[in-house]
Amino acid sequence: MDTSVIATRQSPQSVMVTITAAPVELNDAAFVFGRVRPGLLKIANRILRDPGEAEDVIQEAWLRWQGTDRTVVADPGALLRTTTVRLAINVLQSARRRRESSATPWLPEPTDTGMTPEALVERQDSVEHAVLLLLQTLTPNQRAAYVLREAFGYSYDQIGDLLRLSVANARQQVSRAQDRLNNRRHRQHVDAATHRRLVQAIFAAARTGDLDRLEHELTGQDAPYSGEGTAARDGAPSYRAAA
């Protein structure tokens, strides 16, 4: 039987139904999605703390909603919320993998008091990983020069004064640190207490500008840390996140 001939003999009404069914269904999908979109955006923003990434997640959720068999979905809102959460978590995990594979360790941005507990845990984990890599890979002078320069914006003059090096040698320490981080061929044992103290010192410097504590941990000064802390050194910003 010639099915092509049968297809051409369909009534105009049946052809019209076929043509209009998809747009009507898509309009229904858009209506449902538009109704819950504000809530989905709030969820994505709470997880990611980045409006641009949150919008990307919402766009991906919409594309997936279009491809879903909506006739079997009992609660569209619940499904879309679950989809949004999973997509946002995937973005976070992807960002973590990028940081772990990057040659440059990721150091914290200034603390946002409005961060959720989940975001704080994510930040803590990332900083702990970065500090572990620095301790495993760099010499003490390289580590101090690198952190002070790349994360806290110290000048080479200030780094030289702290480490008792010439300006040229201070530059060289930062350059050698970057080379070692790129190669990652030098792995050293890391003392857990040292790791914990440096992580805490970096967070304190980012949060309160307590650079005395950070300098003490990085330079291994013999004098005990007073715990009083100071504002940023003259000429140095209180904090500058690593690029």
Protein backbone atom coordinates (compact mmCIF):
# COMPACT_ATOMS: atom_id res chain seq x y z
CA MET A 1 0.00 0.00 0.00
CA ASP A 2 1.29 3.47 -0.91
CA THR A 3 1.35 5.30 2.41
CA SER A 4 2.56 8.51 0.81
CA VAL A 5 -0.69 8.73 -1.16
CA ILE A 6 -2.73 8.19 2.00
CA ALA A 7 -0.82 10.95 3.75
CA THR A 8 -1.69 13.42 1.03
CA ARG A 9 -5.39 12.59 1.35
CA GLN A 10 -5.64 13.73 4.98
CA SER A 11 -8.37 16.25 5.61
CA PRO A 12 -7.35 19.90 6.02
CA GLN A 13 -8.62 19.75 9.60
CA SER A 14 -6.27 16.88 10.56
CA VAL A 15 -3.33 18.65 8.99
CA MET A 16 -4.15 21.80 10.96
CA VAL A 17 -4.23 19.82 14.23
CA THR A 18 -0.80 18.35 13.47
CA ILE A 19 0.67 21.75 12.71
CA THR A 20 -0.74 23.56 15.76
CA ALA A 21 -0.28 20.85 18.40
CA ALA A 22 3.44 21.55 19.00
CA PRO A 23 3.11 25.34 19.49
CA VAL A 24 0.19 24.91 21.88
CA GLU A 25 2.08 22.33 23.91
CA LEU A 26 5.16 24.57 24.03
CA ASN A 27 3.05 27.49 25.21
CA ASP A 28 1.74 25.33 28.05
CA ALA A 29 5.29 24.37 28.97
CA ALA A 30 6.36 28.01 28.94
CA PHE A 31 3.42 28.97 31.17
CA VAL A 32 4.31 26.33 33.75
CA PHE A 33 8.00 27.22 33.68
CA GLY A 34 7.36 30.96 33.88
CA ARG A 35 5.24 30.46 36.97
CA VAL A 36 8.03 28.73 38.92
CA ARG A 37 11.02 30.50 37.34
CA PRO A 38 11.53 33.12 40.11
CA GLY A 39 11.78 30.37 42.70
CA LEU A 40 14.18 28.38 40.54
CA LEU A 41 16.39 31.43 40.12
CA LYS A 42 16.53 31.92 43.89
CA ILE A 43 17.61 28.31 44.34
CA ALA A 44 20.35 28.62 41.73
CA ASN A 45 21.60 31.90 43.24
CA ARG A 46 21.72 30.44 46.74
CA ILE A 47 23.86 27.55 45.57
CA LEU A 48 26.14 29.34 43.10
CA ARG A 49 26.35 32.90 44.48
CA ASP A 50 26.84 34.05 40.89
CA PRO A 51 23.93 35.68 39.00
CA GLY A 52 25.40 34.87 35.59
CA GLU A 53 25.89 31.19 36.37
CA ALA A 54 22.44 31.06 37.99
CA GLU A 55 20.86 32.39 34.79
CA ASP A 56 22.75 29.78 32.77
CA VAL A 57 21.38 27.06 35.02
CA ILE A 58 17.83 28.34 34.59
CA GLN A 59 18.24 28.38 30.81
CA GLU A 60 19.49 24.78 30.88
CA ALA A 61 16.54 23.80 33.11
CA TRP A 62 14.15 25.34 30.56
CA LEU A 63 15.75 23.41 27.71
CA ARG A 64 15.42 20.19 29.65
CA TRP A 65 11.82 20.99 30.52
CA GLN A 66 11.03 21.38 26.84
CA GLY A 67 12.43 17.90 26.17
CA THR A 68 10.57 16.26 29.04
CA ASP A 69 7.50 14.09 28.54
CA ARG A 70 5.29 16.41 30.56
CA THR A 71 2.24 14.16 30.30
CA VAL A 72 3.73 11.88 32.96
CA VAL A 73 4.85 14.65 35.35
CA ALA A 74 2.57 14.84 38.37
CA ASP A 75 4.28 17.85 40.02
CA PRO A 76 6.08 20.11 37.51
CA GLY A 77 7.30 22.49 40.21
CA ALA A 78 8.98 19.73 42.20
CA LEU A 79 10.62 18.29 39.09
CA LEU A 80 11.93 21.69 38.00
CA ARG A 81 13.29 22.44 41.47
CA THR A 82 15.09 19.11 41.57
CA THR A 83 16.49 19.69 38.09
CA THR A 84 17.72 23.17 39.06
CA VAL A 85 19.44 21.91 42.21
CA ARG A 86 21.21 19.14 40.31
CA LEU A 87 22.33 21.46 37.53
CA ALA A 88 23.66 24.02 40.03
CA ILE A 89 25.56 21.36 41.96
CA ASN A 90 27.06 20.15 38.68
CA VAL A 91 28.30 23.68 38.01
CA LEU A 92 29.88 23.83 41.49
CA GLN A 93 31.59 20.49 41.02
CA SER A 94 32.82 21.52 37.60
CA ALA A 95 34.28 24.71 39.07
CA ARG A 96 36.02 22.66 41.76
CA ARG A 97 37.52 20.35 39.16
CA ARG A 98 38.77 23.34 37.19
CA ARG A 99 40.44 24.75 40.28
CA GLU A 100 42.03 21.42 41.14
CA SER A 101 43.42 21.01 37.62
CA SER A 102 44.60 24.61 37.42
CA ALA A 103 48.28 25.36 37.96
CA THR A 104 47.38 28.36 40.11
CA PRO A 105 45.84 27.50 43.49
CA TRP A 106 42.51 29.16 44.22
CA LEU A 107 42.47 31.47 47.23
CA PRO A 108 39.40 32.98 48.89
CA GLU A 109 37.58 36.15 48.03
CA PRO A 110 36.64 38.43 50.93
CA THR A 111 34.09 36.71 53.14
CA ASP A 112 30.46 37.40 52.28
CA THR A 113 28.44 37.38 55.49
CA GLY A 114 25.34 36.46 53.48
CA MET A 115 26.81 33.19 52.24
CA THR A 116 24.87 30.01 52.87
CA PRO A 117 26.44 27.22 54.96
CA GLU A 118 26.81 25.16 51.79
CA ALA A 119 28.73 27.94 50.03
CA LEU A 120 30.97 28.44 53.07
CA VAL A 121 31.81 24.74 53.12
CA GLU A 122 32.61 24.89 49.40
CA ARG A 123 34.93 27.85 49.97
CA GLN A 124 36.62 26.20 52.94
CA ASP A 125 37.25 23.04 50.94
CA SER A 126 38.74 24.96 48.02
CA VAL A 127 41.10 27.00 50.21
CA GLU A 128 42.25 23.92 52.12
CA HIS A 129 43.08 22.22 48.82
CA ALA A 130 44.98 25.28 47.55
CA VAL A 131 47.02 25.59 50.75
CA LEU A 132 47.82 21.88 50.71
CA LEU A 133 49.17 22.22 47.17
CA LEU A 134 51.31 25.20 48.18
CA LEU A 135 52.75 23.33 51.15
CA GLN A 136 53.43 20.20 49.09
CA THR A 137 55.04 22.01 46.18
CA LEU A 138 56.85 25.19 47.24
CA THR A 139 59.77 26.09 49.47
CA PRO A 140 58.95 28.39 52.41
CA ASN A 141 60.27 31.50 50.64
CA GLN A 142 58.48 30.64 47.40
CA ARG A 143 55.25 30.01 49.28
CA ALA A 144 55.44 33.27 51.22
CA ALA A 145 56.33 35.35 48.16
CA TYR A 146 53.65 33.72 46.03
CA VAL A 147 50.78 34.11 48.52
CA LEU A 148 51.68 37.67 49.49
CA ARG A 149 52.07 38.76 45.88
CA GLU A 150 49.33 36.85 44.05
CA ALA A 151 46.65 36.78 46.72
CA PHE A 152 47.24 39.90 48.81
CA GLY A 153 48.87 42.31 46.35
CA TYR A 154 52.13 42.96 48.23
CA SER A 155 54.80 44.81 46.30
CA TYR A 156 58.13 43.10 45.65
CA ASP A 157 59.77 45.69 47.95
CA GLN A 158 57.50 44.62 50.81
CA ILE A 159 58.10 40.94 50.11
CA GLY A 160 61.84 41.54 50.02
CA ASP A 161 61.75 43.33 53.37
CA LEU A 162 59.76 40.53 55.01
CA LEU A 163 61.91 37.72 53.62
CA ARG A 164 65.18 39.69 53.79
CA LEU A 165 65.71 39.39 50.07
CA SER A 166 66.52 41.81 47.30
CA VAL A 167 63.68 42.98 45.08
CA ALA A 168 65.10 40.93 42.21
CA ASN A 169 65.24 37.83 44.41
CA ALA A 170 61.67 38.42 45.59
CA ARG A 171 60.54 38.48 41.94
CA GLN A 172 62.49 35.31 41.32
CA GLN A 173 60.80 33.54 44.23
CA VAL A 174 57.35 34.27 42.76
CA SER A 175 58.47 33.15 39.30
CA ARG A 176 59.97 29.92 40.62
CA ALA A 177 56.82 29.27 42.65
CA GLN A 178 54.70 29.51 39.52
CA ASP A 179 57.06 27.19 37.64
CA ARG A 180 56.83 24.59 40.39
CA LEU A 181 53.07 24.84 40.51
CA ASN A 182 52.93 24.36 36.76
CA ASN A 183 55.09 21.22 36.93
CA ARG A 184 53.99 19.86 40.32
CA ARG A 185 57.00 17.60 40.43
CA HIS A 186 58.07 18.46 43.96
CA ARG A 187 55.81 16.85 46.54
CA GLN A 188 56.71 17.25 50.20
CA HIS A 189 55.20 15.87 53.38
CA VAL A 190 52.73 18.31 54.92
CA ASP A 191 52.29 18.67 58.66
CA ALA A 192 48.59 18.78 59.50
CA ALA A 193 49.01 21.49 62.15
CA THR A 194 50.98 23.71 59.77
CA HIS A 195 48.32 23.25 57.11
CA ARG A 196 45.54 24.16 59.53
CA ARG A 197 47.33 27.29 60.83
CA LEU A 198 48.02 28.62 57.33
CA VAL A 199 44.43 28.04 56.21
CA GLN A 200 43.17 29.91 59.27
CA ALA A 201 45.66 32.73 58.72
CA ILE A 202 44.59 33.19 55.10
CA PHE A 203 40.92 33.30 56.07
CA ALA A 204 41.64 35.78 58.86
CA ALA A 205 43.58 38.03 56.48
CA ALA A 206 40.78 37.90 53.89
CA ARG A 207 38.06 38.48 56.46
CA THR A 208 39.58 41.03 58.85
CA GLY A 209 42.79 42.29 57.22
CA ASP A 210 44.90 40.60 59.93
CA LEU A 211 48.13 40.51 57.93
CA ASP A 212 50.40 40.13 60.96
CA ARG A 213 49.14 36.61 61.54
CA LEU A 214 49.52 35.72 57.87
CA GLU A 215 53.05 37.12 57.70
CA HIS A 216 53.97 35.25 60.87
CA GLU A 217 52.79 31.93 59.44
CA LEU A 218 54.44 32.45 56.06
CA THR A 219 57.81 33.71 57.28
CA GLY A 220 58.17 31.48 60.35
CA GLN A 221 59.06 34.36 62.63
CA ASP A 222 60.47 33.28 65.96
CA ALA A 223 58.50 35.81 67.96
CA PRO A 224 55.12 34.46 69.07
CA TYR A 225 52.12 35.88 67.28
CA SER A 226 50.37 38.37 69.54
CA GLY A 227 46.92 37.75 68.11
CA GLU A 228 46.14 41.47 68.03
CA GLY A 229 46.37 41.78 64.26
CA THR A 230 46.78 44.91 62.18
CA ALA A 231 45.27 46.59 59.24
CA ALA A 232 47.00 46.25 55.89
CA ARG A 233 50.60 47.41 55.64
CA ASP A 234 51.12 50.91 54.26
CA GLY A 235 51.00 50.69 50.50
CA ALA A 236 49.45 47.21 50.45
CA PRO A 237 45.75 46.58 49.91
CA SER A 238 43.92 44.86 52.74
CA TYR A 239 42.99 42.13 50.30
CA ARG A 240 43.14 41.34 46.63
CA ALA A 241 41.80 38.04 45.34
CA ALA A 242 44.05 36.02 43.09
CA ALA A 243 43.17 36.25 39.42
